Amino acid sequence: MDYKKLRPESLMMSYGYDPNLSEGAIKCPIFQTSTFVFHNAQEGKNFFEVAYGLREKNQNEELGLIYSRLNNPDLEILENRLCLWDGAEDAAVFESGMSAISTAMMEIMQPGDLLLYSRPVYGGTDHFINHFLKKLNITAIGFRANETKEEIMARVEATGKADKLAMIHIETPANPTNALIDIEMCAEIKKHYSANDKEVVLSVDNTYMGPLWQHPIKHGADLVLYSATKYIGGHSDVIAGACLGSKELMGRIKGLRTFLGNMAGPWTGWLLMRSLETLKVRMEQQAANATKVAEFLHNHPKVEKVYYLGFIDQEGSEADKAIYKRQYSSSGAMIGFDVKGGEKEAFAFLDNLKLIKLAVSLGGTESLAEHPQTMTHADVCKEDKDVMSITEKLVRLSIGVEYHGDLIADIDQALKAF
């Protein structure tokens, strides 16, 4: 059988794993060890030379394991399988989504550089960009989803540091409004500001779409970032992050990961491998449920507006329609909506939910609801939140795998409570 012709959902069960190396175990065991034994001193020397970048791996050279901060079977097999979904050359898994994002940004940029990023982004990312990166003397300039390439480039030029642009970071769809960013347009901006001696890096936070519904590398992205806690993990029982890209870029990022020590451990790797086996069936059920829930909300008298990609054909701009058709294979399972009223009404809705739980995070098997303005995006300044529609009346829903009729019944009774 030609494994290259198999789809990722089939390969998730066995790719990269040889049962003969683990006593015939059908599933990869948890390699709960800190260090690995070398057969001889020369082998140890060879492994370290490649691991620390002292030389390139020779053709047909088989590298072994050294230390779980550098490599671990659970982590390596997981990273190999993640690459299949996004068509990436290599991947690195971290202990959280923020550790993946922060490590990538710190490796790509240096003091004096300029970062261009889309807004809104996840609140933790926003804080890291606008607080921590300032300490490193890295300037950041944001742009919104509805801005043209010319408007965005004008923002870059206005900083006076266009020649220092080192990285473009976007989140699409944006958290929590589902605003769309054109990846190919950003790739054009990246190309415009790249030079022979310095290539601008384009990274895409793909958490909202997971590995299934959008593949940024195909549209010109250099790095794909995930909070693997969300759809990849999918069961609200593990914290993890992932970064995927070319061998060259991932070699740099894995190098910094080694010395920061923020790689995922074997338990995390094992849990994520387990979850990848059901990724497609989970996400497809969540998307189907979200369609039903969004339609219900769209017609409810107490709902002012629904932020859902499935309504782009009827309500979106021509630009958004084009982006959606080009970049996405699904409307996803994330819904934002404005209740009629304000914080009081939004809180009343959230407090009266029974089946859907009031909690942050997303992408798990259970449905969750939260209030972005005062929770996940609390640290974003009010002026920016207002411009980006993150208002006191906005509620965010992450739709799970429950029966859609029960989810709708719960939403209906909570809306009737105020």
Protein backbone atom coordinates (compact mmCIF):
# COMPACT_ATOMS: atom_id res chain seq x y z
CA MET A 1 0.00 0.00 0.00
CA ASP A 2 1.25 3.47 -0.91
CA TYR A 3 0.93 5.44 2.33
CA LYS A 4 1.46 8.70 0.42
CA LYS A 5 -2.00 8.25 -1.11
CA LEU A 6 -3.80 7.80 2.22
CA ARG A 7 -5.71 10.68 3.81
CA PRO A 8 -4.57 12.16 7.14
CA GLU A 9 -7.55 10.78 9.06
CA SER A 10 -6.44 7.27 8.09
CA LEU A 11 -2.79 7.85 8.90
CA MET A 12 -3.56 9.26 12.36
CA MET A 13 -3.89 5.71 13.68
CA SER A 14 -0.39 4.46 12.91
CA TYR A 15 1.82 6.95 11.03
CA GLY A 16 5.37 7.17 12.34
CA TYR A 17 4.99 4.34 14.85
CA ASP A 18 6.42 0.80 14.64
CA PRO A 19 4.77 -1.61 17.11
CA ASN A 20 7.80 -3.91 16.81
CA LEU A 21 9.89 -1.33 18.67
CA SER A 22 7.45 -1.32 21.61
CA GLU A 23 6.74 -4.98 22.38
CA GLY A 24 3.99 -5.08 19.77
CA ALA A 25 1.80 -2.49 21.53
CA ILE A 26 -0.92 -1.36 19.10
CA LYS A 27 -0.73 2.18 20.45
CA CYS A 28 2.41 4.15 21.13
CA PRO A 29 3.25 3.78 24.85
CA ILE A 30 3.95 6.73 27.12
CA PHE A 31 7.72 7.07 27.25
CA GLN A 32 7.89 8.45 30.77
CA THR A 33 11.64 8.90 30.92
CA SER A 34 13.97 11.86 31.15
CA THR A 35 16.97 10.35 29.38
CA PHE A 36 17.91 7.63 26.89
CA VAL A 37 20.86 5.19 26.84
CA PHE A 38 23.46 5.32 24.03
CA HIS A 39 24.91 2.11 22.61
CA ASN A 40 28.38 3.64 22.68
CA ALA A 41 30.18 6.97 23.10
CA GLN A 42 30.53 7.58 19.36
CA GLU A 43 26.78 7.26 18.94
CA GLY A 44 26.24 9.84 21.70
CA LYS A 45 28.67 12.21 19.98
CA ASN A 46 26.90 11.77 16.63
CA PHE A 47 23.48 12.46 18.12
CA PHE A 48 24.62 15.64 19.85
CA GLU A 49 26.41 17.01 16.80
CA VAL A 50 23.17 16.98 14.81
CA ALA A 51 20.90 17.97 17.72
CA TYR A 52 22.98 21.08 18.47
CA GLY A 53 23.41 22.03 14.81
CA LEU A 54 27.15 21.35 14.69
CA ARG A 55 26.66 19.44 11.43
CA GLU A 56 23.90 18.26 9.09
CA LYS A 57 22.56 14.73 9.32
CA ASN A 58 24.28 12.44 6.82
CA GLN A 59 22.26 10.67 4.15
CA ASN A 60 20.72 7.48 5.54
CA GLU A 61 22.01 8.31 9.03
CA GLU A 62 19.60 7.09 11.70
CA LEU A 63 19.44 9.41 14.68
CA GLY A 64 18.39 8.19 18.10
CA LEU A 65 17.08 9.70 21.30
CA ILE A 66 19.08 11.77 23.78
CA TYR A 67 17.02 13.51 26.46
CA SER A 68 13.32 14.34 26.66
CA ARG A 69 13.99 18.08 26.54
CA LEU A 70 15.39 17.47 23.05
CA ASN A 71 13.28 14.58 21.79
CA ASN A 72 10.90 11.89 23.00
CA PRO A 73 9.07 9.22 20.98
CA ASP A 74 5.62 10.51 21.95
CA LEU A 75 6.56 14.02 20.88
CA GLU A 76 8.27 13.04 17.64
CA ILE A 77 5.45 10.78 16.43
CA LEU A 78 2.88 13.44 17.31
CA GLU A 79 4.81 16.10 15.39
CA ASN A 80 5.08 13.82 12.35
CA ARG A 81 1.32 13.28 12.35
CA LEU A 82 0.50 16.97 12.78
CA CYS A 83 2.51 17.74 9.64
CA LEU A 84 0.16 15.60 7.57
CA TRP A 85 -2.85 17.88 8.06
CA ASP A 86 -1.14 21.15 7.14
CA GLY A 87 1.32 19.85 4.58
CA ALA A 88 4.22 21.13 6.69
CA GLU A 89 7.80 19.87 6.61
CA ASP A 90 8.22 19.87 10.38
CA ALA A 91 6.39 20.67 13.60
CA ALA A 92 7.16 21.54 17.21
CA VAL A 93 4.79 20.89 20.09
CA PHE A 94 4.86 23.05 23.20
CA GLU A 95 3.35 23.05 26.68
CA SER A 96 0.82 25.73 25.68
CA GLY A 97 -0.39 27.74 22.72
CA MET A 98 1.17 30.88 24.17
CA SER A 99 4.55 29.16 24.51
CA ALA A 100 4.36 28.26 20.81
CA ILE A 101 3.47 31.84 19.83
CA SER A 102 5.99 33.51 22.14
CA THR A 103 8.84 31.17 21.18
CA ALA A 104 8.20 31.69 17.46
CA MET A 105 8.08 35.47 17.84
CA MET A 106 11.22 35.63 19.99
CA GLU A 107 13.16 33.47 17.53
CA ILE A 108 12.09 35.41 14.43
CA MET A 109 12.43 38.95 15.80
CA GLN A 110 15.18 40.87 17.56
CA PRO A 111 15.39 44.28 19.30
CA GLY A 112 14.62 47.14 16.92
CA ASP A 113 12.42 45.04 14.63
CA LEU A 114 8.84 45.78 13.57
CA LEU A 115 5.91 43.39 13.92
CA LEU A 116 2.75 43.78 11.83
CA TYR A 117 -0.27 41.96 13.25
CA SER A 118 -4.00 41.65 12.65
CA ARG A 119 -6.59 42.73 15.21
CA PRO A 120 -8.36 41.36 17.10
CA VAL A 121 -6.18 38.50 18.23
CA TYR A 122 -6.47 36.25 21.26
CA GLY A 123 -6.13 38.28 24.46
CA GLY A 124 -2.95 36.49 25.57
CA THR A 125 -1.31 37.17 22.22
CA ASP A 126 -2.38 40.82 22.38
CA HIS A 127 -0.83 41.17 25.84
CA PHE A 128 2.43 39.50 24.79
CA ILE A 129 2.72 41.78 21.75
CA ASN A 130 1.82 45.04 23.47
CA HIS A 131 3.54 44.50 26.81
CA PHE A 132 6.35 41.95 26.72
CA LEU A 133 7.67 42.64 23.22
CA LYS A 134 7.93 46.34 24.12
CA LYS A 135 10.50 45.33 26.75
CA LEU A 136 12.57 43.85 23.95
CA ASN A 137 12.32 47.12 21.97
CA ILE A 138 10.16 45.47 19.30
CA THR A 139 7.58 47.82 17.79
CA ALA A 140 4.16 46.43 16.89
CA ILE A 141 1.57 47.91 14.54
CA GLY A 142 -1.91 46.46 14.20
CA PHE A 143 -4.40 46.42 11.34
CA ARG A 144 -8.05 45.41 11.08
CA ALA A 145 -9.74 42.84 8.89
CA ASN A 146 -11.45 45.30 6.57
CA GLU A 147 -8.31 47.20 5.59
CA THR A 148 -6.84 46.95 2.08
CA LYS A 149 -3.28 45.99 1.26
CA GLU A 150 -2.51 49.63 0.46
CA GLU A 151 -3.91 50.83 3.79
CA ILE A 152 -1.94 48.22 5.71
CA MET A 153 1.28 49.08 3.89
CA ALA A 154 0.65 52.76 4.61
CA ARG A 155 0.53 51.87 8.32
CA VAL A 156 3.88 50.10 8.00
CA GLU A 157 5.45 53.07 6.20
CA ALA A 158 4.08 55.51 8.79
CA THR A 159 6.16 53.83 11.52
CA GLY A 160 9.36 54.90 9.81
CA LYS A 161 10.61 51.34 10.35
CA ALA A 162 9.42 49.60 7.19
CA ASP A 163 12.94 48.29 6.57
CA LYS A 164 12.80 46.64 10.01
CA LEU A 165 9.63 44.63 9.36
CA ALA A 166 10.56 41.11 10.42
CA MET A 167 7.27 39.33 11.00
CA ILE A 168 3.59 39.46 10.09
CA HIS A 169 1.31 37.63 12.52
CA ILE A 170 -2.37 37.14 11.75
CA GLU A 171 -5.26 35.30 13.33
CA THR A 172 -7.99 34.25 10.94
CA PRO A 173 -10.81 33.88 11.66
CA ALA A 174 -10.24 36.36 14.45
CA ASN A 175 -11.08 35.55 18.05
CA PRO A 176 -13.89 36.31 19.00
CA THR A 177 -15.62 37.98 16.01
CA ASN A 178 -14.81 35.55 13.16
CA ALA A 179 -13.35 38.47 11.16
CA LEU A 180 -11.44 37.21 8.11
CA ILE A 181 -7.90 38.11 7.03
CA ASP A 182 -6.66 37.39 3.52
CA ILE A 183 -3.58 35.18 3.92
CA GLU A 184 -2.52 35.61 0.30
CA MET A 185 -2.71 39.40 0.61
CA CYS A 186 -0.47 39.22 3.69
CA ALA A 187 1.93 37.00 1.74
CA GLU A 188 2.14 39.76 -0.88
CA ILE A 189 2.96 42.32 1.84
CA LYS A 190 5.60 39.91 3.20
CA LYS A 191 7.16 39.59 -0.27
CA HIS A 192 7.19 43.38 -0.76
CA TYR A 193 9.17 43.98 2.44
CA SER A 194 11.46 40.95 2.20
CA ALA A 195 15.06 41.37 1.08
CA ASN A 196 17.81 39.00 0.04
CA ASP A 197 19.43 39.26 3.45
CA LYS A 198 16.21 39.22 5.50
CA GLU A 199 13.04 37.30 4.73
CA VAL A 200 9.89 38.57 6.47
CA VAL A 201 8.09 35.66 8.16
CA LEU A 202 4.31 35.28 7.92
CA SER A 203 2.68 33.34 10.77
CA VAL A 204 -0.99 32.38 11.05
CA ASP A 205 -2.79 31.44 14.26
CA ASN A 206 -5.10 28.74 12.93
CA THR A 207 -6.65 27.76 16.26
CA TYR A 208 -10.22 28.71 15.32
CA MET A 209 -10.19 26.44 12.26
CA GLY A 210 -8.01 23.65 13.61
CA PRO A 211 -5.96 21.52 11.20
CA LEU A 212 -9.09 20.51 9.29
CA TRP A 213 -10.81 23.59 7.86
CA GLN A 214 -7.96 25.90 6.80
CA HIS A 215 -4.39 25.21 5.61
CA PRO A 216 -2.43 28.48 5.74
CA ILE A 217 0.80 27.13 4.22
CA LYS A 218 -1.05 26.53 0.96
CA HIS A 219 -1.84 30.26 0.85
CA GLY A 220 1.67 31.54 1.49
CA ALA A 221 2.12 31.33 5.28
CA ASP A 222 5.53 30.36 6.64
CA LEU A 223 4.36 29.26 10.09
CA VAL A 224 1.09 27.81 11.36
CA LEU A 225 0.37 28.16 15.07
CA TYR A 226 -2.16 26.39 17.26
CA SER A 227 -3.37 26.28 20.76
CA ALA A 228 -3.42 22.48 20.64
CA THR A 229 -5.52 22.62 23.78
CA LYS A 230 -8.47 23.40 21.53
CA TYR A 231 -9.55 21.21 18.58
CA ILE A 232 -6.35 19.16 18.42
CA GLY A 233 -6.69 18.11 22.07
CA GLY A 234 -10.44 18.45 21.96
CA HIS A 235 -11.32 17.05 25.39
CA SER A 236 -10.46 19.95 27.75
CA ASP A 237 -7.93 17.79 29.57
CA VAL A 238 -4.57 18.97 28.24
CA ILE A 239 -2.76 22.28 27.69
CA ALA A 240 -0.52 22.38 24.62
CA GLY A 241 0.58 24.39 21.60
CA ALA A 242 2.04 23.66 18.19
CA CYS A 243 4.05 25.44 15.51
CA LEU A 244 4.51 24.07 11.98
CA GLY A 245 6.54 25.18 8.99
CA SER A 246 9.63 24.55 6.89
CA LYS A 247 12.59 22.48 8.08
CA GLU A 248 14.74 25.63 8.19
CA LEU A 249 12.37 27.73 10.30
CA MET A 250 11.36 24.86 12.55
CA GLY A 251 15.01 24.03 13.14
CA ARG A 252 15.47 27.52 14.56
CA ILE A 253 12.28 27.39 16.63
CA LYS A 254 13.06 23.91 17.97
CA GLY A 255 16.52 25.15 18.89
CA LEU A 256 15.08 27.95 21.03
CA ARG A 257 12.50 25.52 22.46
CA THR A 258 15.37 23.30 23.61
CA PHE A 259 17.00 26.08 25.59
CA LEU A 260 13.78 27.60 26.93
CA GLY A 261 12.67 24.11 27.93
CA ASN A 262 9.00 24.64 27.00
CA MET A 263 8.53 21.48 24.94
CA ALA A 264 5.54 19.27 25.69
CA GLY A 265 6.08 16.24 27.89
CA PRO A 266 5.32 12.58 27.04
CA TRP A 267 1.89 12.59 28.70
CA THR A 268 0.86 15.61 26.66
CA GLY A 269 2.20 14.01 23.49
CA TRP A 270 0.33 10.78 24.20
CA LEU A 271 -2.96 12.57 24.92
CA LEU A 272 -2.72 14.59 21.72
CA MET A 273 -1.97 11.47 19.66
CA ARG A 274 -5.09 9.91 21.12
CA SER A 275 -7.12 12.98 20.18
CA LEU A 276 -5.83 13.18 16.60
CA GLU A 277 -7.50 9.85 15.87
CA THR A 278 -10.96 11.39 16.32
CA LEU A 279 -10.15 14.94 15.16
CA LYS A 280 -12.09 14.78 11.89
CA VAL A 281 -15.26 13.15 13.26
CA ARG A 282 -15.33 15.52 16.24
CA MET A 283 -14.83 18.67 14.22
CA GLU A 284 -17.35 17.68 11.56
CA GLN A 285 -20.01 17.06 14.23
CA GLN A 286 -19.20 20.37 15.90
CA ALA A 287 -19.51 22.23 12.61
CA ALA A 288 -22.85 20.56 11.82
CA ASN A 289 -24.16 21.51 15.27
CA ALA A 290 -22.92 25.09 14.88
CA THR A 291 -24.94 25.51 11.69
CA LYS A 292 -28.15 24.61 13.53
CA VAL A 293 -27.37 26.82 16.54
CA ALA A 294 -26.41 29.81 14.38
CA GLU A 295 -29.64 29.56 12.39
CA PHE A 296 -31.63 29.54 15.63
CA LEU A 297 -29.79 32.59 16.99
CA HIS A 298 -30.12 34.42 13.68
CA ASN A 299 -33.91 34.33 13.95
CA HIS A 300 -34.23 35.00 17.69
CA PRO A 301 -35.89 38.30 18.71
CA LYS A 302 -33.41 38.87 21.57
CA VAL A 303 -30.35 38.51 19.34
CA GLU A 304 -29.12 41.62 17.56
CA LYS A 305 -26.34 40.17 15.40
CA VAL A 306 -24.66 36.81 14.81
CA TYR A 307 -20.95 36.50 13.93
CA TYR A 308 -20.78 33.22 12.04
CA LEU A 309 -18.96 32.34 8.83
CA GLY A 310 -21.94 30.43 7.48
CA PHE A 311 -23.77 33.72 6.90
CA ILE A 312 -21.09 35.31 4.72
CA ASP A 313 -22.89 34.51 1.45
CA GLN A 314 -25.97 36.44 2.62
CA GLU A 315 -24.43 39.17 4.77
CA GLY A 316 -20.69 39.40 4.04
CA SER A 317 -18.83 41.87 1.85
CA GLU A 318 -17.58 40.80 -1.54
CA ALA A 319 -14.05 40.76 -0.15
CA ASP A 320 -15.05 38.43 2.70
CA LYS A 321 -16.93 36.14 0.31
CA ALA A 322 -13.80 35.82 -1.82
CA ILE A 323 -11.57 35.11 1.20
CA TYR A 324 -14.00 32.53 2.56
CA LYS A 325 -14.30 30.71 -0.74
CA ARG A 326 -10.53 30.60 -1.18
CA GLN A 327 -9.35 29.76 2.35
CA TYR A 328 -11.99 27.69 4.13
CA SER A 329 -13.63 24.31 3.74
CA SER A 330 -16.14 24.84 6.58
CA SER A 331 -17.89 27.59 8.54
CA GLY A 332 -16.35 26.19 11.71
CA ALA A 333 -17.90 25.71 15.12
CA MET A 334 -17.34 29.13 16.72
CA ILE A 335 -20.21 31.60 17.01
CA GLY A 336 -20.31 35.12 18.40
CA PHE A 337 -23.54 37.00 18.90
CA ASP A 338 -24.76 40.30 20.31
CA VAL A 339 -27.69 40.12 22.69
CA LYS A 340 -30.12 43.04 22.65
CA GLY A 341 -29.05 45.11 25.60
CA GLY A 342 -25.64 45.15 27.24
CA GLU A 343 -23.57 43.51 29.92
CA LYS A 344 -26.57 42.91 32.19
CA GLU A 345 -28.43 40.96 29.52
CA ALA A 346 -25.31 39.10 28.37
CA PHE A 347 -24.53 38.05 31.95
CA ALA A 348 -28.14 36.99 32.51
CA PHE A 349 -27.92 34.74 29.45
CA LEU A 350 -24.62 33.23 30.58
CA ASP A 351 -25.78 32.71 34.16
CA ASN A 352 -28.91 30.86 33.08
CA LEU A 353 -27.29 28.31 30.79
CA LYS A 354 -27.60 24.74 32.04
CA LEU A 355 -26.15 22.34 29.49
CA ILE A 356 -23.65 24.78 27.99
CA LYS A 357 -20.95 25.63 30.53
CA LEU A 358 -19.73 29.13 31.37
CA ALA A 359 -16.00 28.83 30.75
CA VAL A 360 -13.26 30.11 28.48
CA SER A 361 -11.36 27.96 25.96
CA LEU A 362 -12.90 26.38 22.88
CA GLY A 363 -12.80 23.39 20.57
CA GLY A 364 -13.64 20.76 23.19
CA THR A 365 -16.31 18.10 22.98
CA GLU A 366 -18.49 20.12 25.37
CA SER A 367 -20.13 23.43 24.40
CA LEU A 368 -18.85 26.52 26.20
CA ALA A 369 -19.94 30.15 26.48
CA GLU A 370 -18.05 33.24 27.66
CA HIS A 371 -18.06 37.05 27.66
CA PRO A 372 -15.00 38.22 25.65
CA GLN A 373 -15.06 41.87 26.73
CA THR A 374 -14.60 41.04 30.42
CA MET A 375 -12.91 37.65 30.15
CA THR A 376 -10.61 36.53 27.32
CA HIS A 377 -10.08 40.07 25.99
CA ALA A 378 -10.26 41.97 29.29
CA ASP A 379 -6.74 43.36 28.84
CA VAL A 380 -7.45 44.95 25.43
CA CYS A 381 -8.13 48.69 25.76
CA LYS A 382 -11.80 49.71 25.55
CA GLU A 383 -11.33 51.92 22.50
CA ASP A 384 -9.83 49.04 20.53
CA LYS A 385 -12.50 46.62 21.73
CA ASP A 386 -15.27 48.94 20.60
CA VAL A 387 -13.74 49.34 17.14
CA MET A 388 -13.42 45.56 16.81
CA SER A 389 -17.02 44.86 17.98
CA ILE A 390 -15.87 43.28 21.25
CA THR A 391 -18.61 45.03 23.17
CA GLU A 392 -20.48 44.40 26.41
CA LYS A 393 -23.30 42.67 24.51
CA LEU A 394 -21.06 40.12 22.73
CA VAL A 395 -21.20 36.46 23.77
CA ARG A 396 -18.90 33.78 22.35
CA LEU A 397 -20.00 30.17 21.91
CA SER A 398 -17.81 27.16 21.23
CA ILE A 399 -20.10 24.43 19.96
CA GLY A 400 -19.44 20.85 21.03
CA VAL A 401 -20.65 17.42 19.96
CA GLU A 402 -23.89 17.28 21.96
CA TYR A 403 -27.26 16.81 20.23
CA HIS A 404 -27.98 20.13 18.53
CA GLY A 405 -31.62 20.16 19.65
CA ASP A 406 -30.55 20.09 23.30
CA LEU A 407 -28.09 22.93 22.75
CA ILE A 408 -30.80 25.05 21.11
CA ALA A 409 -33.25 24.30 23.92
CA ASP A 410 -30.68 25.42 26.48
CA ILE A 411 -29.93 28.64 24.58
CA ASP A 412 -33.64 29.32 24.18
CA GLN A 413 -34.43 29.00 27.88
CA ALA A 414 -31.42 31.16 28.81
CA LEU A 415 -32.52 33.90 26.43
CA LYS A 416 -36.03 33.79 27.89
CA ALA A 417 -34.59 34.39 31.38
CA PHE A 418 -34.14 38.14 30.80
